[in-house]
Amino acid sequence: MAKIKAGNIKKGTYLLHLNQPHYVASTKFVSPGKGSAFSRVKLRNVKTGSLSEFTFKSHDSIEQLDIESIEMNFLYDDGESAVFMNPRTYEQFNLSKKLLGNKLKMLTSDVSVYVLFHEEKALDVTMPPKVKLKVTKAEEATAGGRQTAGKKPVTMESGLIVKAPLFIKTGESLIIDTSTGEYVSRGWVALLNNF
């Protein structure tokens, strides 16, 4: 493991703090007029998921974890864990549902992710920015129902429920933002925008 100065901590890196692996959720470098500079860092404990804020003096050294990022394809949910496969070696990995959290509801068999490993232990899963999911249940829009501002809940093939425009029907494909789990557009509209 390499040591880095607190002033060089960047969002998205992994650190060993208090003998636990942490993900850097945000960092702010502060240089007051008097006194020494420091970094205010929000860390998410990889094991517990809890978010905490720590202050490090800019000259403090912190251990940065060596992370290996491996592309994997989601295969299926076996009830207890999610099964992924390395497309190069065909080796399969079972990842805990706790590690995946809400990401599990945005996975289908054609989605590729990056699984982050430290010393052969999975720490996190990096999703693509957007995924395309098929609508399996969409109620017919009712006239005069304006309280939802033109949105209705629809159920996706993965079990995810999103608020989508009233015109969305069962069988359509939608683009979902994986960072928020929200509707972005219809699948074919997004494909046209790529040309």
C-alpha atoms as a PDB file:
ATOM      1  CA  MET A   1       0.000   0.000   0.000  1.00  0.00           C
ATOM      2  CA  ALA A   2       1.203   3.458  -0.879  1.00  0.00           C
ATOM      3  CA  LYS A   3       0.973   6.418   1.455  1.00  0.00           C
ATOM      4  CA  ILE A   4      -0.365   9.735   0.234  1.00  0.00           C
ATOM      5  CA  LYS A   5      -0.473  13.154   1.824  1.00  0.00           C
ATOM      6  CA  ALA A   6      -3.910  14.271   3.002  1.00  0.00           C
ATOM      7  CA  GLY A   7      -3.719  17.296   0.680  1.00  0.00           C
ATOM      8  CA  ASN A   8      -3.602  14.883  -2.290  1.00  0.00           C
ATOM      9  CA  ILE A   9      -6.693  12.825  -1.382  1.00  0.00           C
ATOM     10  CA  LYS A  10      -9.091  12.699  -4.325  1.00  0.00           C
ATOM     11  CA  LYS A  11     -12.762  11.753  -4.560  1.00  0.00           C
ATOM     12  CA  GLY A  12     -13.233   8.168  -5.745  1.00  0.00           C
ATOM     13  CA  THR A  13     -10.079   6.753  -4.168  1.00  0.00           C
ATOM     14  CA  TYR A  14      -9.933   4.107  -1.458  1.00  0.00           C
ATOM     15  CA  LEU A  15      -8.075   4.583   1.814  1.00  0.00           C
ATOM     16  CA  LEU A  16      -7.260   2.463   4.822  1.00  0.00           C
ATOM     17  CA  HIS A  17      -8.421   4.502   7.817  1.00  0.00           C
ATOM     18  CA  LEU A  18      -8.816   3.172  11.366  1.00  0.00           C
ATOM     19  CA  ASN A  19      -7.856  -0.264   9.950  1.00  0.00           C
ATOM     20  CA  GLN A  20     -10.976  -0.268   7.718  1.00  0.00           C
ATOM     21  CA  PRO A  21     -11.260   0.257   3.946  1.00  0.00           C
ATOM     22  CA  HIS A  22     -13.023   3.518   3.094  1.00  0.00           C
ATOM     23  CA  TYR A  23     -14.238   5.125  -0.134  1.00  0.00           C
ATOM     24  CA  VAL A  24     -13.612   8.868  -0.498  1.00  0.00           C
ATOM     25  CA  ALA A  25     -17.086  10.328  -1.150  1.00  0.00           C
ATOM     26  CA  SER A  26     -15.937  13.957  -1.157  1.00  0.00           C
ATOM     27  CA  THR A  27     -12.975  16.057  -0.162  1.00  0.00           C
ATOM     28  CA  LYS A  28     -12.457  19.754   0.479  1.00  0.00           C
ATOM     29  CA  PHE A  29      -9.042  21.348   0.895  1.00  0.00           C
ATOM     30  CA  VAL A  30      -9.132  24.278   3.344  1.00  0.00           C
ATOM     31  CA  SER A  31      -6.342  26.827   3.639  1.00  0.00           C
ATOM     32  CA  PRO A  32      -7.244  29.235   6.461  1.00  0.00           C
ATOM     33  CA  GLY A  33      -5.565  32.606   6.806  1.00  0.00           C
ATOM     34  CA  LYS A  34      -4.005  31.525  10.096  1.00  0.00           C
ATOM     35  CA  GLY A  35      -2.828  28.046  10.985  1.00  0.00           C
ATOM     36  CA  SER A  36      -1.991  25.103   8.757  1.00  0.00           C
ATOM     37  CA  ALA A  37      -4.041  23.844   5.823  1.00  0.00           C
ATOM     38  CA  PHE A  38      -6.221  20.772   6.200  1.00  0.00           C
ATOM     39  CA  SER A  39      -8.529  18.490   4.215  1.00  0.00           C
ATOM     40  CA  ARG A  40     -12.104  17.782   5.252  1.00  0.00           C
ATOM     41  CA  VAL A  41     -12.914  14.347   3.849  1.00  0.00           C
ATOM     42  CA  LYS A  42     -16.184  12.378   3.774  1.00  0.00           C
ATOM     43  CA  LEU A  43     -15.420   8.655   3.906  1.00  0.00           C
ATOM     44  CA  ARG A  44     -17.822   5.753   3.375  1.00  0.00           C
ATOM     45  CA  ASN A  45     -16.825   2.650   5.286  1.00  0.00           C
ATOM     46  CA  VAL A  46     -16.811  -0.129   2.683  1.00  0.00           C
ATOM     47  CA  LYS A  47     -17.779  -2.817   5.212  1.00  0.00           C
ATOM     48  CA  THR A  48     -20.576  -1.013   7.056  1.00  0.00           C
ATOM     49  CA  GLY A  49     -21.684   1.566   4.470  1.00  0.00           C
ATOM     50  CA  SER A  50     -21.654   4.330   7.117  1.00  0.00           C
ATOM     51  CA  LEU A  51     -20.585   7.813   6.050  1.00  0.00           C
ATOM     52  CA  SER A  52     -18.317   9.862   8.319  1.00  0.00           C
ATOM     53  CA  GLU A  53     -16.415  13.122   8.021  1.00  0.00           C
ATOM     54  CA  PHE A  54     -12.762  13.353   9.038  1.00  0.00           C
ATOM     55  CA  THR A  55     -10.323  16.217   9.118  1.00  0.00           C
ATOM     56  CA  PHE A  56      -6.694  15.576   8.178  1.00  0.00           C
ATOM     57  CA  LYS A  57      -3.816  18.047   8.384  1.00  0.00           C
ATOM     58  CA  SER A  58      -2.354  18.538   4.916  1.00  0.00           C
ATOM     59  CA  HIS A  59       0.965  16.926   5.928  1.00  0.00           C
ATOM     60  CA  ASP A  60      -0.708  13.775   7.421  1.00  0.00           C
ATOM     61  CA  SER A  61       0.055  10.545   5.551  1.00  0.00           C
ATOM     62  CA  ILE A  62      -2.782   8.120   4.839  1.00  0.00           C
ATOM     63  CA  GLU A  63      -2.569   4.651   3.325  1.00  0.00           C
ATOM     64  CA  GLN A  64      -4.140   4.411  -0.121  1.00  0.00           C
ATOM     65  CA  LEU A  65      -5.463   0.967  -1.023  1.00  0.00           C
ATOM     66  CA  ASP A  66      -4.234  -0.781  -4.159  1.00  0.00           C
ATOM     67  CA  ILE A  67      -7.425  -1.427  -6.089  1.00  0.00           C
ATOM     68  CA  GLU A  68      -7.838  -3.772  -9.042  1.00  0.00           C
ATOM     69  CA  SER A  69     -10.774  -2.987 -11.322  1.00  0.00           C
ATOM     70  CA  ILE A  70     -12.101  -5.971 -13.292  1.00  0.00           C
ATOM     71  CA  GLU A  71     -14.866  -5.820 -15.892  1.00  0.00           C
ATOM     72  CA  MET A  72     -17.628  -8.325 -15.137  1.00  0.00           C
ATOM     73  CA  ASN A  73     -20.942  -9.301 -16.664  1.00  0.00           C
ATOM     74  CA  PHE A  74     -23.970  -9.753 -14.428  1.00  0.00           C
ATOM     75  CA  LEU A  75     -25.409 -13.259 -14.858  1.00  0.00           C
ATOM     76  CA  TYR A  76     -28.213 -13.725 -12.325  1.00  0.00           C
ATOM     77  CA  ASP A  77     -29.444 -13.320  -8.760  1.00  0.00           C
ATOM     78  CA  ASP A  78     -29.275 -16.723  -7.025  1.00  0.00           C
ATOM     79  CA  GLY A  79     -31.392 -15.568  -4.075  1.00  0.00           C
ATOM     80  CA  GLU A  80     -28.503 -15.096  -1.655  1.00  0.00           C
ATOM     81  CA  SER A  81     -26.005 -13.251  -3.851  1.00  0.00           C
ATOM     82  CA  ALA A  82     -25.505 -11.829  -7.325  1.00  0.00           C
ATOM     83  CA  VAL A  83     -23.449 -13.929  -9.731  1.00  0.00           C
ATOM     84  CA  PHE A  84     -21.010 -12.198 -12.082  1.00  0.00           C
ATOM     85  CA  MET A  85     -18.623 -13.561 -14.702  1.00  0.00           C
ATOM     86  CA  ASN A  86     -15.254 -12.306 -15.893  1.00  0.00           C
ATOM     87  CA  PRO A  87     -15.727 -12.262 -19.720  1.00  0.00           C
ATOM     88  CA  ARG A  88     -12.016 -12.927 -20.308  1.00  0.00           C
ATOM     89  CA  THR A  89     -11.470 -15.881 -17.974  1.00  0.00           C
ATOM     90  CA  TYR A  90     -15.115 -17.075 -17.646  1.00  0.00           C
ATOM     91  CA  GLU A  91     -14.503 -17.268 -13.896  1.00  0.00           C
ATOM     92  CA  GLN A  92     -17.670 -16.647 -11.861  1.00  0.00           C
ATOM     93  CA  PHE A  93     -17.899 -14.573  -8.680  1.00  0.00           C
ATOM     94  CA  ASN A  94     -20.683 -14.337  -6.112  1.00  0.00           C
ATOM     95  CA  LEU A  95     -21.081 -10.844  -4.680  1.00  0.00           C
ATOM     96  CA  SER A  96     -23.204 -10.131  -1.638  1.00  0.00           C
ATOM     97  CA  LYS A  97     -26.444  -8.238  -2.104  1.00  0.00           C
ATOM     98  CA  LYS A  98     -25.373  -5.946   0.726  1.00  0.00           C
ATOM     99  CA  LEU A  99     -22.339  -4.868  -1.313  1.00  0.00           C
ATOM    100  CA  LEU A 100     -24.542  -4.103  -4.323  1.00  0.00           C
ATOM    101  CA  GLY A 101     -27.378  -2.381  -2.443  1.00  0.00           C
ATOM    102  CA  ASN A 102     -29.773  -0.588  -4.834  1.00  0.00           C
ATOM    103  CA  LYS A 103     -27.492  -1.312  -7.806  1.00  0.00           C
ATOM    104  CA  LEU A 104     -28.903  -4.841  -7.948  1.00  0.00           C
ATOM    105  CA  LYS A 105     -32.251  -3.460  -9.160  1.00  0.00           C
ATOM    106  CA  MET A 106     -30.529  -1.889 -12.177  1.00  0.00           C
ATOM    107  CA  LEU A 107     -28.792  -5.053 -13.373  1.00  0.00           C
ATOM    108  CA  THR A 108     -29.841  -7.305 -16.239  1.00  0.00           C
ATOM    109  CA  SER A 109     -27.862 -10.027 -17.994  1.00  0.00           C
ATOM    110  CA  ASP A 110     -26.493  -7.638 -20.635  1.00  0.00           C
ATOM    111  CA  VAL A 111     -25.045  -5.091 -18.174  1.00  0.00           C
ATOM    112  CA  SER A 112     -21.280  -4.919 -17.693  1.00  0.00           C
ATOM    113  CA  VAL A 113     -19.874  -3.420 -14.493  1.00  0.00           C
ATOM    114  CA  TYR A 114     -16.443  -2.976 -12.947  1.00  0.00           C
ATOM    115  CA  VAL A 115     -15.889  -4.849  -9.701  1.00  0.00           C
ATOM    116  CA  LEU A 116     -13.227  -3.264  -7.499  1.00  0.00           C
ATOM    117  CA  PHE A 117     -11.020  -5.701  -5.593  1.00  0.00           C
ATOM    118  CA  HIS A 118      -8.483  -5.220  -2.816  1.00  0.00           C
ATOM    119  CA  GLU A 119      -6.392  -8.288  -1.958  1.00  0.00           C
ATOM    120  CA  GLU A 120      -8.901 -10.481  -3.866  1.00  0.00           C
ATOM    121  CA  LYS A 121     -11.848  -9.179  -1.814  1.00  0.00           C
ATOM    122  CA  ALA A 122     -14.612  -7.272  -3.628  1.00  0.00           C
ATOM    123  CA  LEU A 123     -15.012  -3.755  -2.232  1.00  0.00           C
ATOM    124  CA  ASP A 124     -17.449  -2.079  -4.595  1.00  0.00           C
ATOM    125  CA  VAL A 125     -19.160  -2.214  -7.972  1.00  0.00           C
ATOM    126  CA  THR A 126     -18.942   0.637 -10.488  1.00  0.00           C
ATOM    127  CA  MET A 127     -22.023   0.828 -12.696  1.00  0.00           C
ATOM    128  CA  PRO A 128     -22.224   2.307 -16.201  1.00  0.00           C
ATOM    129  CA  PRO A 129     -23.721   5.842 -16.092  1.00  0.00           C
ATOM    130  CA  LYS A 130     -26.970   4.637 -17.683  1.00  0.00           C
ATOM    131  CA  VAL A 131     -28.710   1.306 -18.268  1.00  0.00           C
ATOM    132  CA  LYS A 132     -31.574   0.299 -20.563  1.00  0.00           C
ATOM    133  CA  LEU A 133     -34.383  -1.618 -18.845  1.00  0.00           C
ATOM    134  CA  LYS A 134     -37.706  -2.922 -20.142  1.00  0.00           C
ATOM    135  CA  VAL A 135     -41.009  -1.898 -18.544  1.00  0.00           C
ATOM    136  CA  THR A 136     -42.883  -4.969 -17.252  1.00  0.00           C
ATOM    137  CA  LYS A 137     -45.779  -3.117 -15.621  1.00  0.00           C
ATOM    138  CA  ALA A 138     -47.206   0.323 -16.399  1.00  0.00           C
ATOM    139  CA  GLU A 139     -50.699   1.342 -15.318  1.00  0.00           C
ATOM    140  CA  GLU A 140     -52.823   3.193 -17.854  1.00  0.00           C
ATOM    141  CA  ALA A 141     -52.726   6.926 -17.224  1.00  0.00           C
ATOM    142  CA  THR A 142     -55.938   8.346 -15.777  1.00  0.00           C
ATOM    143  CA  ALA A 143     -57.297  11.676 -16.923  1.00  0.00           C
ATOM    144  CA  GLY A 144     -57.211  14.460 -14.380  1.00  0.00           C
ATOM    145  CA  GLY A 145     -54.536  12.854 -12.215  1.00  0.00           C
ATOM    146  CA  ARG A 146     -52.258  15.892 -12.191  1.00  0.00           C
ATOM    147  CA  GLN A 147     -51.000  15.520  -8.611  1.00  0.00           C
ATOM    148  CA  THR A 148     -48.020  13.487  -9.846  1.00  0.00           C
ATOM    149  CA  ALA A 149     -47.135  16.229 -12.386  1.00  0.00           C
ATOM    150  CA  GLY A 150     -47.443  13.929 -15.396  1.00  0.00           C
ATOM    151  CA  LYS A 151     -45.534  10.996 -13.876  1.00  0.00           C
ATOM    152  CA  LYS A 152     -46.582   7.507 -12.837  1.00  0.00           C
ATOM    153  CA  PRO A 153     -44.763   4.594 -11.192  1.00  0.00           C
ATOM    154  CA  VAL A 154     -43.664   1.864 -13.621  1.00  0.00           C
ATOM    155  CA  THR A 155     -42.002  -1.454 -12.781  1.00  0.00           C
ATOM    156  CA  MET A 156     -38.886  -2.451 -14.702  1.00  0.00           C
ATOM    157  CA  GLU A 157     -37.764  -6.005 -15.592  1.00  0.00           C
ATOM    158  CA  SER A 158     -35.226  -5.915 -12.743  1.00  0.00           C
ATOM    159  CA  GLY A 159     -37.875  -5.021 -10.139  1.00  0.00           C
ATOM    160  CA  LEU A 160     -36.865  -1.346 -10.007  1.00  0.00           C
ATOM    161  CA  ILE A 161     -39.804   1.059  -9.731  1.00  0.00           C
ATOM    162  CA  VAL A 162     -39.314   4.466 -11.356  1.00  0.00           C
ATOM    163  CA  LYS A 163     -41.514   7.482 -11.982  1.00  0.00           C
ATOM    164  CA  ALA A 164     -41.955   7.864 -15.734  1.00  0.00           C
ATOM    165  CA  PRO A 165     -44.111  10.041 -18.010  1.00  0.00           C
ATOM    166  CA  LEU A 166     -47.781   9.090 -18.332  1.00  0.00           C
ATOM    167  CA  PHE A 167     -47.363   7.948 -21.974  1.00  0.00           C
ATOM    168  CA  ILE A 168     -44.950   5.089 -21.087  1.00  0.00           C
ATOM    169  CA  LYS A 169     -46.432   1.637 -21.742  1.00  0.00           C
ATOM    170  CA  THR A 170     -45.605  -1.951 -20.767  1.00  0.00           C
ATOM    171  CA  GLY A 171     -42.959  -3.430 -23.095  1.00  0.00           C
ATOM    172  CA  GLU A 172     -41.115  -0.168 -23.773  1.00  0.00           C
ATOM    173  CA  SER A 173     -37.425   0.216 -22.953  1.00  0.00           C
ATOM    174  CA  LEU A 174     -36.313   3.111 -20.761  1.00  0.00           C
ATOM    175  CA  ILE A 175     -32.934   4.630 -20.046  1.00  0.00           C
ATOM    176  CA  ILE A 176     -32.259   4.837 -16.290  1.00  0.00           C
ATOM    177  CA  ASP A 177     -29.591   6.978 -14.600  1.00  0.00           C
ATOM    178  CA  THR A 178     -27.696   4.548 -12.345  1.00  0.00           C
ATOM    179  CA  SER A 179     -26.507   7.237  -9.926  1.00  0.00           C
ATOM    180  CA  THR A 180     -30.078   8.281  -9.069  1.00  0.00           C
ATOM    181  CA  GLY A 181     -32.195   5.329 -10.238  1.00  0.00           C
ATOM    182  CA  GLU A 182     -34.396   7.776 -12.152  1.00  0.00           C
ATOM    183  CA  TYR A 183     -35.956   7.789 -15.624  1.00  0.00           C
ATOM    184  CA  VAL A 184     -33.922   9.649 -18.276  1.00  0.00           C
ATOM    185  CA  SER A 185     -35.654   8.888 -21.579  1.00  0.00           C
ATOM    186  CA  ARG A 186     -37.185   6.211 -23.761  1.00  0.00           C
ATOM    187  CA  GLY A 187     -34.630   3.672 -24.998  1.00  0.00           C
ATOM    188  CA  TRP A 188     -35.034   4.411 -28.700  1.00  0.00           C
ATOM    189  CA  VAL A 189     -34.780   8.201 -28.168  1.00  0.00           C
ATOM    190  CA  ALA A 190     -31.406   7.766 -26.464  1.00  0.00           C
ATOM    191  CA  LEU A 191     -30.203   5.514 -29.290  1.00  0.00           C
ATOM    192  CA  LEU A 192     -31.159   8.127 -31.909  1.00  0.00           C
ATOM    193  CA  ASN A 193     -29.191  10.760 -29.994  1.00  0.00           C
ATOM    194  CA  ASN A 194     -26.037   8.653 -30.353  1.00  0.00           C
ATOM    195  CA  PHE A 195     -25.998   9.072 -34.156  1.00  0.00           C
END
